[in-house]
Amino acid sequence: MSRITEKNLEALARRINQAAGTPETYMTKPADGSRTINVGHYHVDYAYGGSKFVQTVSDGGGIRTITGSYAPKRETYELMQAFLNGLESGK
């Protein structure tokens, strides 16, 4: 069993954003220097030595948790993979 890294989680989050048709970046920064939070963007949040899968839900940067509390990277990866499988099977 190979080790799951932050790089693996970030790559899977990119795949989920592509499959869901949601913005692929958390924030857009146009040439004028303003910043816009991309509502709908899925990403991984890290704290306390763990990770969780979240979605941005407001232009102020508010998030909703998809996978529950912080967990080991492998557990988060497996839940994210199941989420992606659900998105893909719904198409």
PDB file of N, CA and C in Angstrom:
ATOM      1  N   MET A   1       0.848  -1.169   0.000  1.00  0.00           N
ATOM      2  CA  MET A   1       0.000   0.000   0.000  1.00  0.00           C
ATOM      3  C   MET A   1       0.897   1.237   0.000  1.00  0.00           C
ATOM      4  N   SER A   2       0.693   2.112  -0.993  1.00  0.00           N
ATOM      5  CA  SER A   2       1.539   3.298  -1.092  1.00  0.00           C
ATOM      6  C   SER A   2       1.013   4.417  -0.195  1.00  0.00           C
ATOM      7  N   ARG A   3       1.904   5.303   0.150  1.00  0.00           N
ATOM      8  CA  ARG A   3       1.589   6.414   1.026  1.00  0.00           C
ATOM      9  C   ARG A   3       0.793   7.478   0.266  1.00  0.00           C
ATOM     10  N   ILE A   4      -0.216   8.052   0.887  1.00  0.00           N
ATOM     11  CA  ILE A   4      -0.999   9.140   0.305  1.00  0.00           C
ATOM     12  C   ILE A   4      -0.393  10.460   0.789  1.00  0.00           C
ATOM     13  N   THR A   5      -0.079  11.334  -0.156  1.00  0.00           N
ATOM     14  CA  THR A   5       0.544  12.614   0.159  1.00  0.00           C
ATOM     15  C   THR A   5      -0.423  13.766  -0.138  1.00  0.00           C
ATOM     16  N   GLU A   6      -0.052  14.969   0.284  1.00  0.00           N
ATOM     17  CA  GLU A   6      -0.848  16.153  -0.045  1.00  0.00           C
ATOM     18  C   GLU A   6      -0.946  16.317  -1.559  1.00  0.00           C
ATOM     19  N   LYS A   7       0.111  15.967  -2.261  1.00  0.00           N
ATOM     20  CA  LYS A   7       0.110  16.056  -3.724  1.00  0.00           C
ATOM     21  C   LYS A   7      -0.975  15.147  -4.315  1.00  0.00           C
ATOM     22  N   ASN A   8      -1.139  13.940  -3.769  1.00  0.00           N
ATOM     23  CA  ASN A   8      -2.191  13.025  -4.225  1.00  0.00           C
ATOM     24  C   ASN A   8      -3.580  13.629  -3.981  1.00  0.00           C
ATOM     25  N   LEU A   9      -3.778  14.202  -2.801  1.00  0.00           N
ATOM     26  CA  LEU A   9      -5.063  14.801  -2.462  1.00  0.00           C
ATOM     27  C   LEU A   9      -5.377  15.992  -3.364  1.00  0.00           C
ATOM     28  N   GLU A  10      -4.381  16.821  -3.621  1.00  0.00           N
ATOM     29  CA  GLU A  10      -4.582  18.005  -4.465  1.00  0.00           C
ATOM     30  C   GLU A  10      -4.922  17.592  -5.897  1.00  0.00           C
ATOM     31  N   ALA A  11      -4.263  16.554  -6.415  1.00  0.00           N
ATOM     32  CA  ALA A  11      -4.545  16.063  -7.770  1.00  0.00           C
ATOM     33  C   ALA A  11      -5.970  15.528  -7.852  1.00  0.00           C
ATOM     34  N   LEU A  12      -6.410  14.825  -6.827  1.00  0.00           N
ATOM     35  CA  LEU A  12      -7.766  14.291  -6.815  1.00  0.00           C
ATOM     36  C   LEU A  12      -8.785  15.429  -6.716  1.00  0.00           C
ATOM     37  N   ALA A  13      -8.488  16.456  -5.952  1.00  0.00           N
ATOM     38  CA  ALA A  13      -9.383  17.619  -5.865  1.00  0.00           C
ATOM     39  C   ALA A  13      -9.516  18.288  -7.237  1.00  0.00           C
ATOM     40  N   ARG A  14      -8.424  18.381  -7.994  1.00  0.00           N
ATOM     41  CA  ARG A  14      -8.487  18.941  -9.353  1.00  0.00           C
ATOM     42  C   ARG A  14      -9.402  18.112 -10.235  1.00  0.00           C
ATOM     43  N   ARG A  15      -9.283  16.795 -10.150  1.00  0.00           N
ATOM     44  CA  ARG A  15     -10.140  15.900 -10.942  1.00  0.00           C
ATOM     45  C   ARG A  15     -11.613  16.081 -10.569  1.00  0.00           C
ATOM     46  N   ILE A  16     -11.885  16.247  -9.277  1.00  0.00           N
ATOM     47  CA  ILE A  16     -13.265  16.448  -8.824  1.00  0.00           C
ATOM     48  C   ILE A  16     -13.818  17.758  -9.362  1.00  0.00           C
ATOM     49  N   ASN A  17     -13.032  18.836  -9.295  1.00  0.00           N
ATOM     50  CA  ASN A  17     -13.491  20.119  -9.832  1.00  0.00           C
ATOM     51  C   ASN A  17     -13.776  20.018 -11.325  1.00  0.00           C
ATOM     52  N   GLN A  18     -12.944  19.297 -12.056  1.00  0.00           N
ATOM     53  CA  GLN A  18     -13.172  19.120 -13.486  1.00  0.00           C
ATOM     54  C   GLN A  18     -14.453  18.329 -13.738  1.00  0.00           C
ATOM     55  N   ALA A  19     -14.649  17.246 -13.003  1.00  0.00           N
ATOM     56  CA  ALA A  19     -15.835  16.403 -13.186  1.00  0.00           C
ATOM     57  C   ALA A  19     -17.116  17.138 -12.794  1.00  0.00           C
ATOM     58  N   ALA A  20     -17.031  17.982 -11.781  1.00  0.00           N
ATOM     59  CA  ALA A  20     -18.205  18.707 -11.296  1.00  0.00           C
ATOM     60  C   ALA A  20     -18.465  19.979 -12.090  1.00  0.00           C
ATOM     61  N   GLY A  21     -17.494  20.412 -12.880  1.00  0.00           N
ATOM     62  CA  GLY A  21     -17.646  21.657 -13.627  1.00  0.00           C
ATOM     63  C   GLY A  21     -17.573  22.882 -12.735  1.00  0.00           C
ATOM     64  N   THR A  22     -16.847  22.768 -11.632  1.00  0.00           N
ATOM     65  CA  THR A  22     -16.688  23.869 -10.687  1.00  0.00           C
ATOM     66  C   THR A  22     -15.332  24.536 -10.909  1.00  0.00           C
ATOM     67  N   PRO A  23     -15.146  25.762 -10.399  1.00  0.00           N
ATOM     68  CA  PRO A  23     -13.871  26.453 -10.589  1.00  0.00           C
ATOM     69  C   PRO A  23     -12.696  25.619 -10.073  1.00  0.00           C
ATOM     70  N   GLU A  24     -11.602  25.641 -10.808  1.00  0.00           N
ATOM     71  CA  GLU A  24     -10.444  24.826 -10.442  1.00  0.00           C
ATOM     72  C   GLU A  24      -9.506  25.518  -9.458  1.00  0.00           C
ATOM     73  N   THR A  25      -9.721  26.798  -9.204  1.00  0.00           N
ATOM     74  CA  THR A  25      -8.897  27.522  -8.236  1.00  0.00           C
ATOM     75  C   THR A  25      -9.780  28.161  -7.173  1.00  0.00           C
ATOM     76  N   TYR A  26      -9.226  28.328  -5.998  1.00  0.00           N
ATOM     77  CA  TYR A  26      -9.957  28.917  -4.882  1.00  0.00           C
ATOM     78  C   TYR A  26     -10.247  30.392  -5.124  1.00  0.00           C
ATOM     79  N   MET A  27      -9.298  31.088  -5.760  1.00  0.00           N
ATOM     80  CA  MET A  27      -9.404  32.529  -5.918  1.00  0.00           C
ATOM     81  C   MET A  27      -8.916  32.944  -7.303  1.00  0.00           C
ATOM     82  N   THR A  28      -9.576  33.951  -7.850  1.00  0.00           N
ATOM     83  CA  THR A  28      -9.150  34.547  -9.114  1.00  0.00           C
ATOM     84  C   THR A  28      -8.630  35.943  -8.809  1.00  0.00           C
ATOM     85  N   LYS A  29      -7.480  36.264  -9.370  1.00  0.00           N
ATOM     86  CA  LYS A  29      -6.889  37.577  -9.146  1.00  0.00           C
ATOM     87  C   LYS A  29      -6.623  38.224 -10.508  1.00  0.00           C
ATOM     88  N   PRO A  30      -7.563  39.066 -10.987  1.00  0.00           N
ATOM     89  CA  PRO A  30      -7.362  39.735 -12.267  1.00  0.00           C
ATOM     90  C   PRO A  30      -6.210  40.736 -12.217  1.00  0.00           C
ATOM     91  N   ALA A  31      -5.883  41.290 -13.371  1.00  0.00           N
ATOM     92  CA  ALA A  31      -4.759  42.223 -13.479  1.00  0.00           C
ATOM     93  C   ALA A  31      -4.959  43.476 -12.642  1.00  0.00           C
ATOM     94  N   ASP A  32      -6.214  43.845 -12.352  1.00  0.00           N
ATOM     95  CA  ASP A  32      -6.445  45.072 -11.571  1.00  0.00           C
ATOM     96  C   ASP A  32      -6.127  44.901 -10.089  1.00  0.00           C
ATOM     97  N   GLY A  33      -5.751  43.679  -9.675  1.00  0.00           N
ATOM     98  CA  GLY A  33      -5.342  43.435  -8.301  1.00  0.00           C
ATOM     99  C   GLY A  33      -6.457  43.029  -7.370  1.00  0.00           C
ATOM    100  N   SER A  34      -7.693  43.095  -7.836  1.00  0.00           N
ATOM    101  CA  SER A  34      -8.806  42.666  -6.980  1.00  0.00           C
ATOM    102  C   SER A  34      -8.786  41.144  -6.859  1.00  0.00           C
ATOM    103  N   ARG A  35      -9.490  40.645  -5.870  1.00  0.00           N
ATOM    104  CA  ARG A  35      -9.548  39.194  -5.666  1.00  0.00           C
ATOM    105  C   ARG A  35     -10.999  38.758  -5.603  1.00  0.00           C
ATOM    106  N   THR A  36     -11.281  37.622  -6.234  1.00  0.00           N
ATOM    107  CA  THR A  36     -12.620  37.058  -6.217  1.00  0.00           C
ATOM    108  C   THR A  36     -12.535  35.612  -5.761  1.00  0.00           C
ATOM    109  N   ILE A  37     -13.293  35.270  -4.723  1.00  0.00           N
ATOM    110  CA  ILE A  37     -13.361  33.889  -4.251  1.00  0.00           C
ATOM    111  C   ILE A  37     -14.268  33.124  -5.212  1.00  0.00           C
ATOM    112  N   ASN A  38     -13.840  31.957  -5.640  1.00  0.00           N
ATOM    113  CA  ASN A  38     -14.606  31.138  -6.583  1.00  0.00           C
ATOM    114  C   ASN A  38     -15.541  30.195  -5.831  1.00  0.00           C
ATOM    115  N   VAL A  39     -16.797  30.603  -5.718  1.00  0.00           N
ATOM    116  CA  VAL A  39     -17.815  29.801  -5.035  1.00  0.00           C
ATOM    117  C   VAL A  39     -18.023  28.496  -5.809  1.00  0.00           C
ATOM    118  N   GLY A  40     -18.088  27.399  -5.093  1.00  0.00           N
ATOM    119  CA  GLY A  40     -18.268  26.083  -5.692  1.00  0.00           C
ATOM    120  C   GLY A  40     -16.998  25.263  -5.753  1.00  0.00           C
ATOM    121  N   HIS A  41     -15.855  25.915  -5.595  1.00  0.00           N
ATOM    122  CA  HIS A  41     -14.551  25.245  -5.682  1.00  0.00           C
ATOM    123  C   HIS A  41     -14.384  24.217  -4.561  1.00  0.00           C
ATOM    124  N   TYR A  42     -13.972  23.000  -4.924  1.00  0.00           N
ATOM    125  CA  TYR A  42     -13.665  21.946  -3.955  1.00  0.00           C
ATOM    126  C   TYR A  42     -12.165  21.953  -3.668  1.00  0.00           C
ATOM    127  N   HIS A  43     -11.788  21.763  -2.412  1.00  0.00           N
ATOM    128  CA  HIS A  43     -10.369  21.685  -2.067  1.00  0.00           C
ATOM    129  C   HIS A  43     -10.181  20.920  -0.753  1.00  0.00           C
ATOM    130  N   VAL A  44      -8.940  20.717  -0.408  1.00  0.00           N
ATOM    131  CA  VAL A  44      -8.601  19.984   0.807  1.00  0.00           C
ATOM    132  C   VAL A  44      -8.108  20.986   1.848  1.00  0.00           C
ATOM    133  N   ASP A  45      -8.599  20.847   3.054  1.00  0.00           N
ATOM    134  CA  ASP A  45      -8.205  21.691   4.177  1.00  0.00           C
ATOM    135  C   ASP A  45      -7.350  20.844   5.116  1.00  0.00           C
ATOM    136  N   TYR A  46      -6.271  21.421   5.620  1.00  0.00           N
ATOM    137  CA  TYR A  46      -5.340  20.683   6.478  1.00  0.00           C
ATOM    138  C   TYR A  46      -5.219  21.366   7.842  1.00  0.00           C
ATOM    139  N   ALA A  47      -5.243  20.565   8.900  1.00  0.00           N
ATOM    140  CA  ALA A  47      -5.000  21.074  10.260  1.00  0.00           C
ATOM    141  C   ALA A  47      -4.862  19.882  11.198  1.00  0.00           C
ATOM    142  N   TYR A  48      -4.206  20.091  12.311  1.00  0.00           N
ATOM    143  CA  TYR A  48      -4.079  19.076  13.360  1.00  0.00           C
ATOM    144  C   TYR A  48      -3.478  17.764  12.851  1.00  0.00           C
ATOM    145  N   GLY A  49      -2.653  17.840  11.825  1.00  0.00           N
ATOM    146  CA  GLY A  49      -2.030  16.645  11.273  1.00  0.00           C
ATOM    147  C   GLY A  49      -2.951  15.826  10.390  1.00  0.00           C
ATOM    148  N   GLY A  50      -4.143  16.340  10.107  1.00  0.00           N
ATOM    149  CA  GLY A  50      -5.111  15.625   9.284  1.00  0.00           C
ATOM    150  C   GLY A  50      -5.583  16.464   8.115  1.00  0.00           C
ATOM    151  N   SER A  51      -6.580  15.942   7.416  1.00  0.00           N
ATOM    152  CA  SER A  51      -7.123  16.627   6.246  1.00  0.00           C
ATOM    153  C   SER A  51      -8.622  16.370   6.163  1.00  0.00           C
ATOM    154  N   LYS A  52      -9.309  17.269   5.461  1.00  0.00           N
ATOM    155  CA  LYS A  52     -10.718  17.055   5.164  1.00  0.00           C
ATOM    156  C   LYS A  52     -11.044  17.716   3.834  1.00  0.00           C
ATOM    157  N   PHE A  53     -12.060  17.203   3.165  1.00  0.00           N
ATOM    158  CA  PHE A  53     -12.475  17.678   1.855  1.00  0.00           C
ATOM    159  C   PHE A  53     -13.613  18.672   2.053  1.00  0.00           C
ATOM    160  N   VAL A  54     -13.494  19.858   1.439  1.00  0.00           N
ATOM    161  CA  VAL A  54     -14.457  20.933   1.653  1.00  0.00           C
ATOM    162  C   VAL A  54     -14.830  21.589   0.325  1.00  0.00           C
ATOM    163  N   GLN A  55     -15.894  22.394   0.376  1.00  0.00           N
ATOM    164  CA  GLN A  55     -16.322  23.173  -0.784  1.00  0.00           C
ATOM    165  C   GLN A  55     -16.543  24.609  -0.349  1.00  0.00           C
ATOM    166  N   THR A  56     -16.093  25.560  -1.163  1.00  0.00           N
ATOM    167  CA  THR A  56     -16.312  26.975  -0.900  1.00  0.00           C
ATOM    168  C   THR A  56     -17.761  27.310  -1.226  1.00  0.00           C
ATOM    169  N   VAL A  57     -18.459  27.964  -0.291  1.00  0.00           N
ATOM    170  CA  VAL A  57     -19.889  28.218  -0.480  1.00  0.00           C
ATOM    171  C   VAL A  57     -20.274  29.693  -0.447  1.00  0.00           C
ATOM    172  N   SER A  58     -19.331  30.587  -0.181  1.00  0.00           N
ATOM    173  CA  SER A  58     -19.674  32.010  -0.178  1.00  0.00           C
ATOM    174  C   SER A  58     -18.515  32.828  -0.721  1.00  0.00           C
ATOM    175  N   ASP A  59     -18.840  34.016  -1.197  1.00  0.00           N
ATOM    176  CA  ASP A  59     -17.788  34.875  -1.747  1.00  0.00           C
ATOM    177  C   ASP A  59     -16.889  35.454  -0.661  1.00  0.00           C
ATOM    178  N   GLY A  60     -17.228  35.199   0.595  1.00  0.00           N
ATOM    179  CA  GLY A  60     -16.365  35.579   1.708  1.00  0.00           C
ATOM    180  C   GLY A  60     -15.393  34.471   2.093  1.00  0.00           C
ATOM    181  N   GLY A  61     -15.449  33.342   1.381  1.00  0.00           N
ATOM    182  CA  GLY A  61     -14.526  32.239   1.641  1.00  0.00           C
ATOM    183  C   GLY A  61     -15.067  31.179   2.582  1.00  0.00           C
ATOM    184  N   GLY A  62     -16.348  31.254   2.935  1.00  0.00           N
ATOM    185  CA  GLY A  62     -16.947  30.243   3.806  1.00  0.00           C
ATOM    186  C   GLY A  62     -16.944  28.873   3.138  1.00  0.00           C
ATOM    187  N   ILE A  63     -16.801  27.844   3.954  1.00  0.00           N
ATOM    188  CA  ILE A  63     -16.737  26.489   3.404  1.00  0.00           C
ATOM    189  C   ILE A  63     -17.762  25.584   4.074  1.00  0.00           C
ATOM    190  N   ARG A  64     -18.085  24.491   3.386  1.00  0.00           N
ATOM    191  CA  ARG A  64     -18.862  23.414   4.003  1.00  0.00           C
ATOM    192  C   ARG A  64     -18.020  22.162   3.923  1.00  0.00           C
ATOM    193  N   THR A  65     -18.072  21.380   4.959  1.00  0.00           N
ATOM    194  CA  THR A  65     -17.283  20.157   5.026  1.00  0.00           C
ATOM    195  C   THR A  65     -18.014  19.033   4.323  1.00  0.00           C
ATOM    196  N   ILE A  66     -17.318  18.333   3.440  1.00  0.00           N
ATOM    197  CA  ILE A  66     -17.895  17.212   2.713  1.00  0.00           C
ATOM    198  C   ILE A  66     -17.608  15.901   3.454  1.00  0.00           C
ATOM    199  N   THR A  67     -16.390  15.731   3.964  1.00  0.00           N
ATOM    200  CA  THR A  67     -15.974  14.441   4.526  1.00  0.00           C
ATOM    201  C   THR A  67     -16.013  14.349   6.046  1.00  0.00           C
ATOM    202  N   GLY A  68     -16.451  15.350   6.730  1.00  0.00           N
ATOM    203  CA  GLY A  68     -16.483  15.295   8.196  1.00  0.00           C
ATOM    204  C   GLY A  68     -15.251  15.927   8.805  1.00  0.00           C
ATOM    205  N   SER A  69     -14.874  15.484   9.983  1.00  0.00           N
ATOM    206  CA  SER A  69     -13.759  16.101  10.695  1.00  0.00           C
ATOM    207  C   SER A  69     -12.407  15.719  10.080  1.00  0.00           C
ATOM    208  N   TYR A  70     -11.357  16.337  10.587  1.00  0.00           N
ATOM    209  CA  TYR A  70     -10.007  16.052  10.088  1.00  0.00           C
ATOM    210  C   TYR A  70      -9.676  14.578  10.310  1.00  0.00           C
ATOM    211  N   ALA A  71      -9.081  13.981   9.288  1.00  0.00           N
ATOM    212  CA  ALA A  71      -8.786  12.546   9.321  1.00  0.00           C
ATOM    213  C   ALA A  71      -7.434  12.306   8.654  1.00  0.00           C
ATOM    214  N   PRO A  72      -6.894  11.102   8.759  1.00  0.00           N
ATOM    215  CA  PRO A  72      -5.654  10.789   8.053  1.00  0.00           C
ATOM    216  C   PRO A  72      -5.839  10.961   6.540  1.00  0.00           C
ATOM    217  N   LYS A  73      -4.760  11.270   5.852  1.00  0.00           N
ATOM    218  CA  LYS A  73      -4.810  11.517   4.408  1.00  0.00           C
ATOM    219  C   LYS A  73      -5.420  10.346   3.640  1.00  0.00           C
ATOM    220  N   ARG A  74      -5.095   9.131   4.002  1.00  0.00           N
ATOM    221  CA  ARG A  74      -5.635   7.966   3.283  1.00  0.00           C
ATOM    222  C   ARG A  74      -7.160   7.924   3.379  1.00  0.00           C
ATOM    223  N   GLU A  75      -7.692   8.179   4.563  1.00  0.00           N
ATOM    224  CA  GLU A  75      -9.148   8.166   4.736  1.00  0.00           C
ATOM    225  C   GLU A  75      -9.800   9.270   3.903  1.00  0.00           C
ATOM    226  N   THR A  76      -9.217  10.460   3.924  1.00  0.00           N
ATOM    227  CA  THR A  76      -9.740  11.559   3.117  1.00  0.00           C
ATOM    228  C   THR A  76      -9.680  11.203   1.638  1.00  0.00           C
ATOM    229  N   TYR A  77      -8.576  10.607   1.204  1.00  0.00           N
ATOM    230  CA  TYR A  77      -8.412  10.223  -0.200  1.00  0.00           C
ATOM    231  C   TYR A  77      -9.497   9.229  -0.615  1.00  0.00           C
ATOM    232  N   GLU A  78      -9.750   8.240   0.212  1.00  0.00           N
ATOM    233  CA  GLU A  78     -10.755   7.220  -0.120  1.00  0.00           C
ATOM    234  C   GLU A  78     -12.155   7.829  -0.191  1.00  0.00           C
ATOM    235  N   LEU A  79     -12.474   8.744   0.706  1.00  0.00           N
ATOM    236  CA  LEU A  79     -13.776   9.411   0.662  1.00  0.00           C
ATOM    237  C   LEU A  79     -13.894  10.308  -0.566  1.00  0.00           C
ATOM    238  N   MET A  80     -12.818  11.001  -0.911  1.00  0.00           N
ATOM    239  CA  MET A  80     -12.818  11.841  -2.110  1.00  0.00           C
ATOM    240  C   MET A  80     -12.972  10.988  -3.363  1.00  0.00           C
ATOM    241  N   GLN A  81     -12.330   9.827  -3.388  1.00  0.00           N
ATOM    242  CA  GLN A  81     -12.436   8.925  -4.538  1.00  0.00           C
ATOM    243  C   GLN A  81     -13.880   8.449  -4.691  1.00  0.00           C
ATOM    244  N   ALA A  82     -14.534   8.142  -3.587  1.00  0.00           N
ATOM    245  CA  ALA A  82     -15.938   7.738  -3.629  1.00  0.00           C
ATOM    246  C   ALA A  82     -16.816   8.882  -4.138  1.00  0.00           C
ATOM    247  N   PHE A  83     -16.509  10.108  -3.721  1.00  0.00           N
ATOM    248  CA  PHE A  83     -17.241  11.288  -4.173  1.00  0.00           C
ATOM    249  C   PHE A  83     -17.096  11.443  -5.690  1.00  0.00           C
ATOM    250  N   LEU A  84     -15.864  11.296  -6.186  1.00  0.00           N
ATOM    251  CA  LEU A  84     -15.612  11.392  -7.632  1.00  0.00           C
ATOM    252  C   LEU A  84     -16.355  10.292  -8.377  1.00  0.00           C
ATOM    253  N   ASN A  85     -16.321   9.073  -7.865  1.00  0.00           N
ATOM    254  CA  ASN A  85     -17.035   7.964  -8.501  1.00  0.00           C
ATOM    255  C   ASN A  85     -18.528   8.270  -8.603  1.00  0.00           C
ATOM    256  N   GLY A  86     -19.097   8.867  -7.565  1.00  0.00           N
ATOM    257  CA  GLY A  86     -20.502   9.254  -7.587  1.00  0.00           C
ATOM    258  C   GLY A  86     -20.791  10.309  -8.642  1.00  0.00           C
ATOM    259  N   LEU A  87     -19.899  11.311  -8.743  1.00  0.00           N
ATOM    260  CA  LEU A  87     -20.063  12.338  -9.777  1.00  0.00           C
ATOM    261  C   LEU A  87     -20.033  11.719 -11.161  1.00  0.00           C
ATOM    262  N   GLU A  88     -19.069  10.854 -11.383  1.00  0.00           N
ATOM    263  CA  GLU A  88     -18.894  10.253 -12.714  1.00  0.00           C
ATOM    264  C   GLU A  88     -20.024   9.287 -13.058  1.00  0.00           C
ATOM    265  N   SER A  89     -20.556   8.582 -12.087  1.00  0.00           N
ATOM    266  CA  SER A  89     -21.635   7.633 -12.387  1.00  0.00           C
ATOM    267  C   SER A  89     -22.959   8.356 -12.617  1.00  0.00           C
ATOM    268  N   GLY A  90     -23.056   9.586 -12.125  1.00  0.00           N
ATOM    269  CA  GLY A  90     -24.261  10.379 -12.333  1.00  0.00           C
ATOM    270  C   GLY A  90     -24.359  11.004 -13.706  1.00  0.00           C
ATOM    271  N   LYS A  91     -23.293  10.922 -14.472  1.00  0.00           N
ATOM    272  CA  LYS A  91     -23.279  11.530 -15.818  1.00  0.00           C
ATOM    273  C   LYS A  91     -23.792  10.573 -16.859  1.00  0.00           C
TER     274      LYS A  91
END
